[in-house]
Amino acid sequence: MCQPVLFCDPKAGVIGAAHAGWRGSRDGVLEATLDVMEALGANRAAITAVIGPTISQAAYEVGPEFLEGFLQDDPASQRFFANGTGDRMLFDLPGYSLQRLRQAGVGHAEWTHHCTYRDPERFFSFRRTTHAGEADYGRLISVIRL
């Protein structure tokens, strides 16, 4: 599991950053980050969470075994899957993550609506590069600015 990066300053408060793809979101990275933020003095209900660039549902095709894993954890997860081609499903990672944050008691949570797969001019994407048969997919870095 990825470890969150946290910053605590008496003037700025507690700021956290975490990477949580499908596995991290499902395994509790978001909630663990909130727990650490609270331990540093944050008020969960006052936290604003923003999901930055990520793959959108329209571009995130997965197989039936992927869906089954989510349904075994929580049958209500079905709502984050739409029908794709054949036995494929389209997974809504940002929607799923937003729901996890809101269930965990975050005061406000939103997604920037930047799709890493559909915007090759601004973002790298392992999935897009693999589908295109390219050699390398590049790297991304995120910054939190106040």
C-alpha atoms as a PDB file:
ATOM      1  CA  MET A   1       0.000   0.000   0.000  1.00  0.00           C
ATOM      2  CA  CYS A   2       1.306   3.486  -0.852  1.00  0.00           C
ATOM      3  CA  GLN A   3       2.084   5.773   2.049  1.00  0.00           C
ATOM      4  CA  PRO A   4       0.469   9.222   2.151  1.00  0.00           C
ATOM      5  CA  VAL A   5       2.585  12.348   2.216  1.00  0.00           C
ATOM      6  CA  LEU A   6       1.464  14.718   4.932  1.00  0.00           C
ATOM      7  CA  PHE A   7       2.380  18.238   5.948  1.00  0.00           C
ATOM      8  CA  CYS A   8       1.332  19.912   9.167  1.00  0.00           C
ATOM      9  CA  ASP A   9       1.784  23.634   9.757  1.00  0.00           C
ATOM     10  CA  PRO A  10       0.069  25.697  12.490  1.00  0.00           C
ATOM     11  CA  LYS A  11      -1.005  28.322   9.922  1.00  0.00           C
ATOM     12  CA  ALA A  12      -1.839  26.083   6.962  1.00  0.00           C
ATOM     13  CA  GLY A  13      -3.264  23.161   8.907  1.00  0.00           C
ATOM     14  CA  VAL A  14      -2.860  19.577   7.738  1.00  0.00           C
ATOM     15  CA  ILE A  15      -2.334  18.832   4.063  1.00  0.00           C
ATOM     16  CA  GLY A  16      -2.185  15.305   2.694  1.00  0.00           C
ATOM     17  CA  ALA A  17      -1.450  13.694  -0.644  1.00  0.00           C
ATOM     18  CA  ALA A  18      -1.980  10.049  -1.516  1.00  0.00           C
ATOM     19  CA  HIS A  19      -1.863   7.906  -4.622  1.00  0.00           C
ATOM     20  CA  ALA A  20      -4.741   5.475  -4.814  1.00  0.00           C
ATOM     21  CA  GLY A  21      -5.530   3.680  -8.037  1.00  0.00           C
ATOM     22  CA  TRP A  22      -8.198   0.986  -8.037  1.00  0.00           C
ATOM     23  CA  ARG A  23      -6.310  -1.285  -5.653  1.00  0.00           C
ATOM     24  CA  GLY A  24      -5.364   1.480  -3.242  1.00  0.00           C
ATOM     25  CA  SER A  25      -8.896   2.848  -3.187  1.00  0.00           C
ATOM     26  CA  ARG A  26     -10.351  -0.605  -2.599  1.00  0.00           C
ATOM     27  CA  ASP A  27      -7.762  -1.454   0.059  1.00  0.00           C
ATOM     28  CA  GLY A  28      -8.266   1.696   2.146  1.00  0.00           C
ATOM     29  CA  VAL A  29      -5.471   4.114   1.188  1.00  0.00           C
ATOM     30  CA  LEU A  30      -7.893   7.050   1.232  1.00  0.00           C
ATOM     31  CA  GLU A  31      -9.299   6.219   4.648  1.00  0.00           C
ATOM     32  CA  ALA A  32      -5.795   5.571   6.050  1.00  0.00           C
ATOM     33  CA  THR A  33      -4.708   8.994   4.816  1.00  0.00           C
ATOM     34  CA  LEU A  34      -7.688  10.590   6.542  1.00  0.00           C
ATOM     35  CA  ASP A  35      -6.855   8.733   9.764  1.00  0.00           C
ATOM     36  CA  VAL A  36      -3.296  10.104   9.756  1.00  0.00           C
ATOM     37  CA  MET A  37      -4.553  13.599   8.951  1.00  0.00           C
ATOM     38  CA  GLU A  38      -6.912  13.417  11.922  1.00  0.00           C
ATOM     39  CA  ALA A  39      -4.085  12.214  14.172  1.00  0.00           C
ATOM     40  CA  LEU A  40      -2.204  15.376  13.155  1.00  0.00           C
ATOM     41  CA  GLY A  41      -5.163  17.557  14.121  1.00  0.00           C
ATOM     42  CA  ALA A  42      -7.364  17.743  11.029  1.00  0.00           C
ATOM     43  CA  ASN A  43     -11.143  17.749  11.375  1.00  0.00           C
ATOM     44  CA  ARG A  44     -12.445  15.122   8.930  1.00  0.00           C
ATOM     45  CA  ALA A  45     -15.685  17.010   8.308  1.00  0.00           C
ATOM     46  CA  ALA A  46     -13.685  20.126   7.358  1.00  0.00           C
ATOM     47  CA  ILE A  47     -11.385  18.337   4.896  1.00  0.00           C
ATOM     48  CA  THR A  48     -11.639  19.185   1.208  1.00  0.00           C
ATOM     49  CA  ALA A  49     -10.437  16.306  -0.963  1.00  0.00           C
ATOM     50  CA  VAL A  50      -9.652  16.673  -4.645  1.00  0.00           C
ATOM     51  CA  ILE A  51      -8.992  13.783  -7.004  1.00  0.00           C
ATOM     52  CA  GLY A  52      -6.605  14.989  -9.648  1.00  0.00           C
ATOM     53  CA  PRO A  53      -6.040  13.658 -13.154  1.00  0.00           C
ATOM     54  CA  THR A  54      -6.996   9.997 -13.474  1.00  0.00           C
ATOM     55  CA  ILE A  55      -8.523   7.678 -16.017  1.00  0.00           C
ATOM     56  CA  SER A  56     -12.220   8.285 -16.673  1.00  0.00           C
ATOM     57  CA  GLN A  57     -14.882   5.583 -16.794  1.00  0.00           C
ATOM     58  CA  ALA A  58     -15.268   5.848 -20.573  1.00  0.00           C
ATOM     59  CA  ALA A  59     -11.601   4.813 -20.981  1.00  0.00           C
ATOM     60  CA  TYR A  60     -11.273   2.275 -18.152  1.00  0.00           C
ATOM     61  CA  GLU A  61     -12.257  -1.081 -19.611  1.00  0.00           C
ATOM     62  CA  VAL A  62     -11.877  -4.081 -17.303  1.00  0.00           C
ATOM     63  CA  GLY A  63     -12.689  -7.782 -17.360  1.00  0.00           C
ATOM     64  CA  PRO A  64     -15.291  -9.739 -15.402  1.00  0.00           C
ATOM     65  CA  GLU A  65     -12.753 -10.886 -12.790  1.00  0.00           C
ATOM     66  CA  PHE A  66     -12.091  -7.235 -11.907  1.00  0.00           C
ATOM     67  CA  LEU A  67     -15.807  -6.627 -11.338  1.00  0.00           C
ATOM     68  CA  GLU A  68     -16.095  -9.820  -9.264  1.00  0.00           C
ATOM     69  CA  GLY A  69     -13.383  -8.644  -6.873  1.00  0.00           C
ATOM     70  CA  PHE A  70     -15.265  -5.436  -6.176  1.00  0.00           C
ATOM     71  CA  LEU A  71     -18.607  -7.190  -5.802  1.00  0.00           C
ATOM     72  CA  GLN A  72     -17.131  -9.648  -3.303  1.00  0.00           C
ATOM     73  CA  ASP A  73     -16.003  -6.704  -1.161  1.00  0.00           C
ATOM     74  CA  ASP A  74     -19.230  -4.742  -1.556  1.00  0.00           C
ATOM     75  CA  PRO A  75     -22.162  -5.679  -3.830  1.00  0.00           C
ATOM     76  CA  ALA A  76     -23.146  -1.983  -3.959  1.00  0.00           C
ATOM     77  CA  SER A  77     -19.964  -1.376  -5.993  1.00  0.00           C
ATOM     78  CA  GLN A  78     -21.935  -2.521  -9.056  1.00  0.00           C
ATOM     79  CA  ARG A  79     -23.034   1.088  -9.580  1.00  0.00           C
ATOM     80  CA  PHE A  80     -19.465   2.052 -10.549  1.00  0.00           C
ATOM     81  CA  PHE A  81     -19.477  -0.306 -13.543  1.00  0.00           C
ATOM     82  CA  ALA A  82     -21.137   0.214 -16.918  1.00  0.00           C
ATOM     83  CA  ASN A  83     -21.439  -2.244 -19.787  1.00  0.00           C
ATOM     84  CA  GLY A  84     -18.592  -2.249 -22.259  1.00  0.00           C
ATOM     85  CA  THR A  85     -17.992  -4.427 -25.299  1.00  0.00           C
ATOM     86  CA  GLY A  86     -18.679  -8.160 -24.922  1.00  0.00           C
ATOM     87  CA  ASP A  87     -17.892  -9.255 -21.370  1.00  0.00           C
ATOM     88  CA  ARG A  88     -15.948  -6.053 -20.647  1.00  0.00           C
ATOM     89  CA  MET A  89     -17.058  -3.437 -18.146  1.00  0.00           C
ATOM     90  CA  LEU A  90     -16.183   0.258 -17.767  1.00  0.00           C
ATOM     91  CA  PHE A  91     -15.028   1.157 -14.249  1.00  0.00           C
ATOM     92  CA  ASP A  92     -15.606   4.583 -12.695  1.00  0.00           C
ATOM     93  CA  LEU A  93     -12.460   4.960 -10.573  1.00  0.00           C
ATOM     94  CA  PRO A  94     -12.996   8.629  -9.679  1.00  0.00           C
ATOM     95  CA  GLY A  95     -16.644   8.000  -8.758  1.00  0.00           C
ATOM     96  CA  TYR A  96     -15.696   5.010  -6.624  1.00  0.00           C
ATOM     97  CA  SER A  97     -12.967   6.991  -4.853  1.00  0.00           C
ATOM     98  CA  LEU A  98     -15.272   9.966  -4.265  1.00  0.00           C
ATOM     99  CA  GLN A  99     -17.834   7.654  -2.720  1.00  0.00           C
ATOM    100  CA  ARG A 100     -15.183   6.171  -0.390  1.00  0.00           C
ATOM    101  CA  LEU A 101     -14.091   9.654   0.689  1.00  0.00           C
ATOM    102  CA  ARG A 102     -17.656  10.789   1.322  1.00  0.00           C
ATOM    103  CA  GLN A 103     -18.491   7.627   3.263  1.00  0.00           C
ATOM    104  CA  ALA A 104     -15.401   8.269   5.369  1.00  0.00           C
ATOM    105  CA  GLY A 105     -16.830  11.632   6.403  1.00  0.00           C
ATOM    106  CA  VAL A 106     -14.888  14.106   4.272  1.00  0.00           C
ATOM    107  CA  GLY A 107     -16.617  17.481   4.213  1.00  0.00           C
ATOM    108  CA  HIS A 108     -16.180  18.055   0.483  1.00  0.00           C
ATOM    109  CA  ALA A 109     -14.810  15.819  -2.288  1.00  0.00           C
ATOM    110  CA  GLU A 110     -14.573  16.391  -6.026  1.00  0.00           C
ATOM    111  CA  TRP A 111     -12.729  15.252  -9.153  1.00  0.00           C
ATOM    112  CA  THR A 112     -11.021  17.696 -11.513  1.00  0.00           C
ATOM    113  CA  HIS A 113     -12.467  15.778 -14.524  1.00  0.00           C
ATOM    114  CA  HIS A 114      -9.064  15.495 -16.198  1.00  0.00           C
ATOM    115  CA  CYS A 115      -8.783  12.103 -17.914  1.00  0.00           C
ATOM    116  CA  THR A 116      -5.206  10.908 -18.262  1.00  0.00           C
ATOM    117  CA  TYR A 117      -6.141   8.465 -21.024  1.00  0.00           C
ATOM    118  CA  ARG A 118      -8.059  10.902 -23.244  1.00  0.00           C
ATOM    119  CA  ASP A 119      -5.655  13.856 -22.983  1.00  0.00           C
ATOM    120  CA  PRO A 120      -2.249  12.804 -24.395  1.00  0.00           C
ATOM    121  CA  GLU A 121      -1.115  16.414 -24.769  1.00  0.00           C
ATOM    122  CA  ARG A 122      -1.156  16.963 -21.004  1.00  0.00           C
ATOM    123  CA  PHE A 123      -0.932  13.550 -19.347  1.00  0.00           C
ATOM    124  CA  PHE A 124       0.951  10.285 -19.571  1.00  0.00           C
ATOM    125  CA  SER A 125      -1.039   7.052 -19.393  1.00  0.00           C
ATOM    126  CA  PHE A 126       0.317   3.520 -19.081  1.00  0.00           C
ATOM    127  CA  ARG A 127      -2.955   2.124 -20.444  1.00  0.00           C
ATOM    128  CA  ARG A 128      -3.053   4.467 -23.444  1.00  0.00           C
ATOM    129  CA  THR A 129       0.606   3.789 -24.264  1.00  0.00           C
ATOM    130  CA  THR A 130       0.048   0.030 -24.015  1.00  0.00           C
ATOM    131  CA  HIS A 131      -2.987   0.206 -26.309  1.00  0.00           C
ATOM    132  CA  ALA A 132      -0.985   2.286 -28.814  1.00  0.00           C
ATOM    133  CA  GLY A 133       1.983  -0.121 -28.672  1.00  0.00           C
ATOM    134  CA  GLU A 134       4.405   2.634 -27.648  1.00  0.00           C
ATOM    135  CA  ALA A 135       7.682   1.901 -25.841  1.00  0.00           C
ATOM    136  CA  ASP A 136       7.307   4.063 -22.732  1.00  0.00           C
ATOM    137  CA  TYR A 137       4.436   5.785 -21.016  1.00  0.00           C
ATOM    138  CA  GLY A 138       6.256   8.613 -19.213  1.00  0.00           C
ATOM    139  CA  ARG A 139       5.766   9.798 -15.649  1.00  0.00           C
ATOM    140  CA  LEU A 140       3.493  12.264 -13.882  1.00  0.00           C
ATOM    141  CA  ILE A 141       4.059  14.382 -10.799  1.00  0.00           C
ATOM    142  CA  SER A 142       1.437  16.192  -8.769  1.00  0.00           C
ATOM    143  CA  VAL A 143       1.749  19.289  -6.627  1.00  0.00           C
ATOM    144  CA  ILE A 144      -0.450  20.729  -3.924  1.00  0.00           C
ATOM    145  CA  ARG A 145      -0.373  24.506  -3.877  1.00  0.00           C
ATOM    146  CA  LEU A 146      -2.044  26.811  -1.406  1.00  0.00           C
END
